[in-house]
Structure formats: structure tokens, C-alpha cells
């Protein structure tokens, strides 16, 4: 089995290809502070780029995990999500509240996609 790691860093790779799947690490916005919708839009753009680097696309996402610092911002996050996600290929998804790494980090998203 071949494993390809994209954008390796000190503690993780941005995405990993294995067995015909692409695993995108938990992704956060660089532009902070910013509202949840703006952070989500930036994150989704970064996910698009990582999927393209690995030869995949958002239409091939099979699973998404979303962590929000405050679950009450779910509707704001969903505005960006619904504008981005392929409506004909919706992934399985979880969205939960979690304490994120820094106070200005409001959303984190990880996805798994087919190649």
C-alpha cells in the first residue's frame, strides 16, 4: 500500500492519501480573529486546495467532522457550509461544541474523501 503525505509539518500532515482515500487533518483559519462564517469560508477553501493536491474534490467527501467553540454559532457556520458543499453529494457529518486550541479559534473541520 502506498501512502502519500501532503504538507507535512512538525506535528501532522495537512492531508494523507492511503487506500484510495484522502484524510484531511483538522483545519483551522489563519485569519483570526474573525467571525465564524469567515473562518469557515477560509477553512473550506483550504480543504478544497488540500483535496485538489491529493487528486480529489469536495464532491467525493464521505465524512466531515466539525468542531465549534460555541455551538450557538452553528447556523452561521452552516451558511458557509451550505454555500460550499456539493448538494448532490452530501457527506456524513458530525458537528459538536469543543474547546479549541486558542480563544480566537472558533471552528475546526476535518474531512475524509475518496480519490
C-alpha atoms as a PDB file:
ATOM      1  CA  UNK A   1       0.000   0.000   0.000  1.00  0.00           C
ATOM      2  CA  UNK A   2       1.292   3.427  -0.950  1.00  0.00           C
ATOM      3  CA  UNK A   3       0.893   6.329   1.471  1.00  0.00           C
ATOM      4  CA  UNK A   4       1.399   9.923   0.332  1.00  0.00           C
ATOM      5  CA  UNK A   5       1.625  12.766   2.837  1.00  0.00           C
ATOM      6  CA  UNK A   6       0.869  16.335   1.758  1.00  0.00           C
ATOM      7  CA  UNK A   7       2.077  19.473   3.529  1.00  0.00           C
ATOM      8  CA  UNK A   8       3.912  17.701   6.352  1.00  0.00           C
ATOM      9  CA  UNK A   9       4.609  19.908   9.352  1.00  0.00           C
ATOM     10  CA  UNK A  10       6.067  19.471  12.814  1.00  0.00           C
ATOM     11  CA  UNK A  11       3.136  17.504  14.292  1.00  0.00           C
ATOM     12  CA  UNK A  12       0.907  16.470  11.360  1.00  0.00           C
ATOM     13  CA  UNK A  13       0.375  16.323   7.620  1.00  0.00           C
ATOM     14  CA  UNK A  14      -2.278  18.520   6.034  1.00  0.00           C
ATOM     15  CA  UNK A  15      -3.637  15.529   4.143  1.00  0.00           C
ATOM     16  CA  UNK A  16      -2.721  11.873   3.761  1.00  0.00           C
ATOM     17  CA  UNK A  17      -3.592   9.585   0.827  1.00  0.00           C
ATOM     18  CA  UNK A  18      -3.964   5.866   1.533  1.00  0.00           C
ATOM     19  CA  UNK A  19      -6.026   3.035   0.024  1.00  0.00           C
ATOM     20  CA  UNK A  20      -7.840   5.339  -2.404  1.00  0.00           C
ATOM     21  CA  UNK A  21      -8.905   7.722   0.347  1.00  0.00           C
ATOM     22  CA  UNK A  22      -7.787  11.224   1.348  1.00  0.00           C
ATOM     23  CA  UNK A  23      -7.723  12.133   5.039  1.00  0.00           C
ATOM     24  CA  UNK A  24      -7.626  15.892   5.615  1.00  0.00           C
ATOM     25  CA  UNK A  25      -6.396  16.924   9.059  1.00  0.00           C
ATOM     26  CA  UNK A  26      -8.401  19.181  11.332  1.00  0.00           C
ATOM     27  CA  UNK A  27      -8.124  22.531   9.573  1.00  0.00           C
ATOM     28  CA  UNK A  28      -8.444  25.963  11.165  1.00  0.00           C
ATOM     29  CA  UNK A  29      -8.401  29.519   9.830  1.00  0.00           C
ATOM     30  CA  UNK A  30      -5.191  31.526   9.787  1.00  0.00           C
ATOM     31  CA  UNK A  31      -7.054  34.852   9.741  1.00  0.00           C
ATOM     32  CA  UNK A  32      -8.089  35.395  13.340  1.00  0.00           C
ATOM     33  CA  UNK A  33      -9.847  36.973  14.998  1.00  0.00           C
ATOM     34  CA  UNK A  34     -12.674  36.676  12.519  1.00  0.00           C
ATOM     35  CA  UNK A  35     -16.354  35.688  12.717  1.00  0.00           C
ATOM     36  CA  UNK A  36     -17.330  32.009  12.454  1.00  0.00           C
ATOM     37  CA  UNK A  37     -18.638  32.378   8.888  1.00  0.00           C
ATOM     38  CA  UNK A  38     -15.394  33.983   7.685  1.00  0.00           C
ATOM     39  CA  UNK A  39     -13.275  31.355   9.462  1.00  0.00           C
ATOM     40  CA  UNK A  40     -15.416  28.585   7.941  1.00  0.00           C
ATOM     41  CA  UNK A  41     -15.073  30.042   4.445  1.00  0.00           C
ATOM     42  CA  UNK A  42     -11.294  30.190   4.802  1.00  0.00           C
ATOM     43  CA  UNK A  43     -11.155  26.623   6.132  1.00  0.00           C
ATOM     44  CA  UNK A  44     -13.297  25.286   3.289  1.00  0.00           C
ATOM     45  CA  UNK A  45     -11.015  26.992   0.777  1.00  0.00           C
ATOM     46  CA  UNK A  46      -8.008  25.334   2.401  1.00  0.00           C
ATOM     47  CA  UNK A  47      -9.803  21.969   2.294  1.00  0.00           C
ATOM     48  CA  UNK A  48     -10.518  22.500  -1.425  1.00  0.00           C
ATOM     49  CA  UNK A  49      -6.795  23.086  -2.012  1.00  0.00           C
ATOM     50  CA  UNK A  50      -5.727  20.025   0.007  1.00  0.00           C
ATOM     51  CA  UNK A  51      -8.232  17.791  -1.778  1.00  0.00           C
ATOM     52  CA  UNK A  52      -7.036  19.054  -5.172  1.00  0.00           C
ATOM     53  CA  UNK A  53      -3.415  18.438  -4.171  1.00  0.00           C
ATOM     54  CA  UNK A  54      -4.361  14.830  -3.405  1.00  0.00           C
ATOM     55  CA  UNK A  55      -6.376  14.389  -6.615  1.00  0.00           C
ATOM     56  CA  UNK A  56      -9.807  14.590  -5.018  1.00  0.00           C
ATOM     57  CA  UNK A  57     -12.699  17.060  -4.780  1.00  0.00           C
ATOM     58  CA  UNK A  58     -15.386  18.146  -2.325  1.00  0.00           C
ATOM     59  CA  UNK A  59     -17.935  16.053  -4.269  1.00  0.00           C
ATOM     60  CA  UNK A  60     -16.004  12.986  -3.087  1.00  0.00           C
ATOM     61  CA  UNK A  61     -16.118  13.775   0.638  1.00  0.00           C
ATOM     62  CA  UNK A  62     -17.648  10.864   2.519  1.00  0.00           C
ATOM     63  CA  UNK A  63     -17.318  12.177   6.075  1.00  0.00           C
ATOM     64  CA  UNK A  64     -16.890  15.553   7.777  1.00  0.00           C
ATOM     65  CA  UNK A  65     -16.261  16.424  11.405  1.00  0.00           C
ATOM     66  CA  UNK A  66     -16.838  19.984  12.563  1.00  0.00           C
ATOM     67  CA  UNK A  67     -15.900  21.394  15.934  1.00  0.00           C
ATOM     68  CA  UNK A  68     -17.308  24.745  17.072  1.00  0.00           C
ATOM     69  CA  UNK A  69     -16.078  26.703  20.071  1.00  0.00           C
ATOM     70  CA  UNK A  70     -19.718  27.715  20.652  1.00  0.00           C
ATOM     71  CA  UNK A  71     -22.493  25.505  19.262  1.00  0.00           C
ATOM     72  CA  UNK A  72     -24.749  28.565  19.153  1.00  0.00           C
ATOM     73  CA  UNK A  73     -22.749  29.667  16.063  1.00  0.00           C
ATOM     74  CA  UNK A  74     -23.828  26.562  14.140  1.00  0.00           C
ATOM     75  CA  UNK A  75     -26.258  28.487  11.906  1.00  0.00           C
ATOM     76  CA  UNK A  76     -23.520  30.985  10.977  1.00  0.00           C
ATOM     77  CA  UNK A  77     -21.112  28.138  10.156  1.00  0.00           C
ATOM     78  CA  UNK A  78     -23.846  26.339   8.180  1.00  0.00           C
ATOM     79  CA  UNK A  79     -24.310  29.421   5.941  1.00  0.00           C
ATOM     80  CA  UNK A  80     -20.740  28.983   4.704  1.00  0.00           C
ATOM     81  CA  UNK A  81     -21.015  25.176   4.644  1.00  0.00           C
ATOM     82  CA  UNK A  82     -24.207  25.144   2.559  1.00  0.00           C
ATOM     83  CA  UNK A  83     -22.765  27.646   0.069  1.00  0.00           C
ATOM     84  CA  UNK A  84     -19.716  25.370  -0.366  1.00  0.00           C
ATOM     85  CA  UNK A  85     -20.782  21.727  -0.039  1.00  0.00           C
ATOM     86  CA  UNK A  86     -21.882  19.793  -3.137  1.00  0.00           C
ATOM     87  CA  UNK A  87     -25.670  19.465  -2.574  1.00  0.00           C
ATOM     88  CA  UNK A  88     -25.812  16.333  -4.732  1.00  0.00           C
ATOM     89  CA  UNK A  89     -23.053  14.588  -2.759  1.00  0.00           C
ATOM     90  CA  UNK A  90     -23.604  15.423   0.898  1.00  0.00           C
ATOM     91  CA  UNK A  91     -21.198  13.652   3.260  1.00  0.00           C
ATOM     92  CA  UNK A  92     -21.986  12.060   6.581  1.00  0.00           C
ATOM     93  CA  UNK A  93     -21.310  14.826   9.106  1.00  0.00           C
ATOM     94  CA  UNK A  94     -20.907  15.493  12.808  1.00  0.00           C
ATOM     95  CA  UNK A  95     -20.928  18.978  14.330  1.00  0.00           C
ATOM     96  CA  UNK A  96     -20.163  19.380  18.022  1.00  0.00           C
ATOM     97  CA  UNK A  97     -19.048  22.005  20.515  1.00  0.00           C
ATOM     98  CA  UNK A  98     -15.467  21.691  21.743  1.00  0.00           C
ATOM     99  CA  UNK A  99     -12.854  23.781  23.435  1.00  0.00           C
ATOM    100  CA  UNK A 100     -10.410  24.593  20.625  1.00  0.00           C
ATOM    101  CA  UNK A 101      -6.681  25.350  20.932  1.00  0.00           C
ATOM    102  CA  UNK A 102      -6.962  29.142  21.263  1.00  0.00           C
ATOM    103  CA  UNK A 103      -9.756  31.521  22.215  1.00  0.00           C
ATOM    104  CA  UNK A 104      -9.852  33.135  18.750  1.00  0.00           C
ATOM    105  CA  UNK A 105     -10.163  29.757  17.008  1.00  0.00           C
ATOM    106  CA  UNK A 106     -13.916  29.346  16.520  1.00  0.00           C
ATOM    107  CA  UNK A 107     -14.207  26.395  14.113  1.00  0.00           C
ATOM    108  CA  UNK A 108     -12.155  23.394  13.013  1.00  0.00           C
ATOM    109  CA  UNK A 109     -13.076  20.983  10.214  1.00  0.00           C
ATOM    110  CA  UNK A 110     -11.657  17.595   9.167  1.00  0.00           C
ATOM    111  CA  UNK A 111     -12.844  15.562   6.177  1.00  0.00           C
ATOM    112  CA  UNK A 112     -12.307  12.174   4.579  1.00  0.00           C
ATOM    113  CA  UNK A 113     -12.757  11.853   0.819  1.00  0.00           C
ATOM    114  CA  UNK A 114     -12.419   9.217  -1.867  1.00  0.00           C
ATOM    115  CA  UNK A 115      -9.769   9.816  -4.546  1.00  0.00           C
END
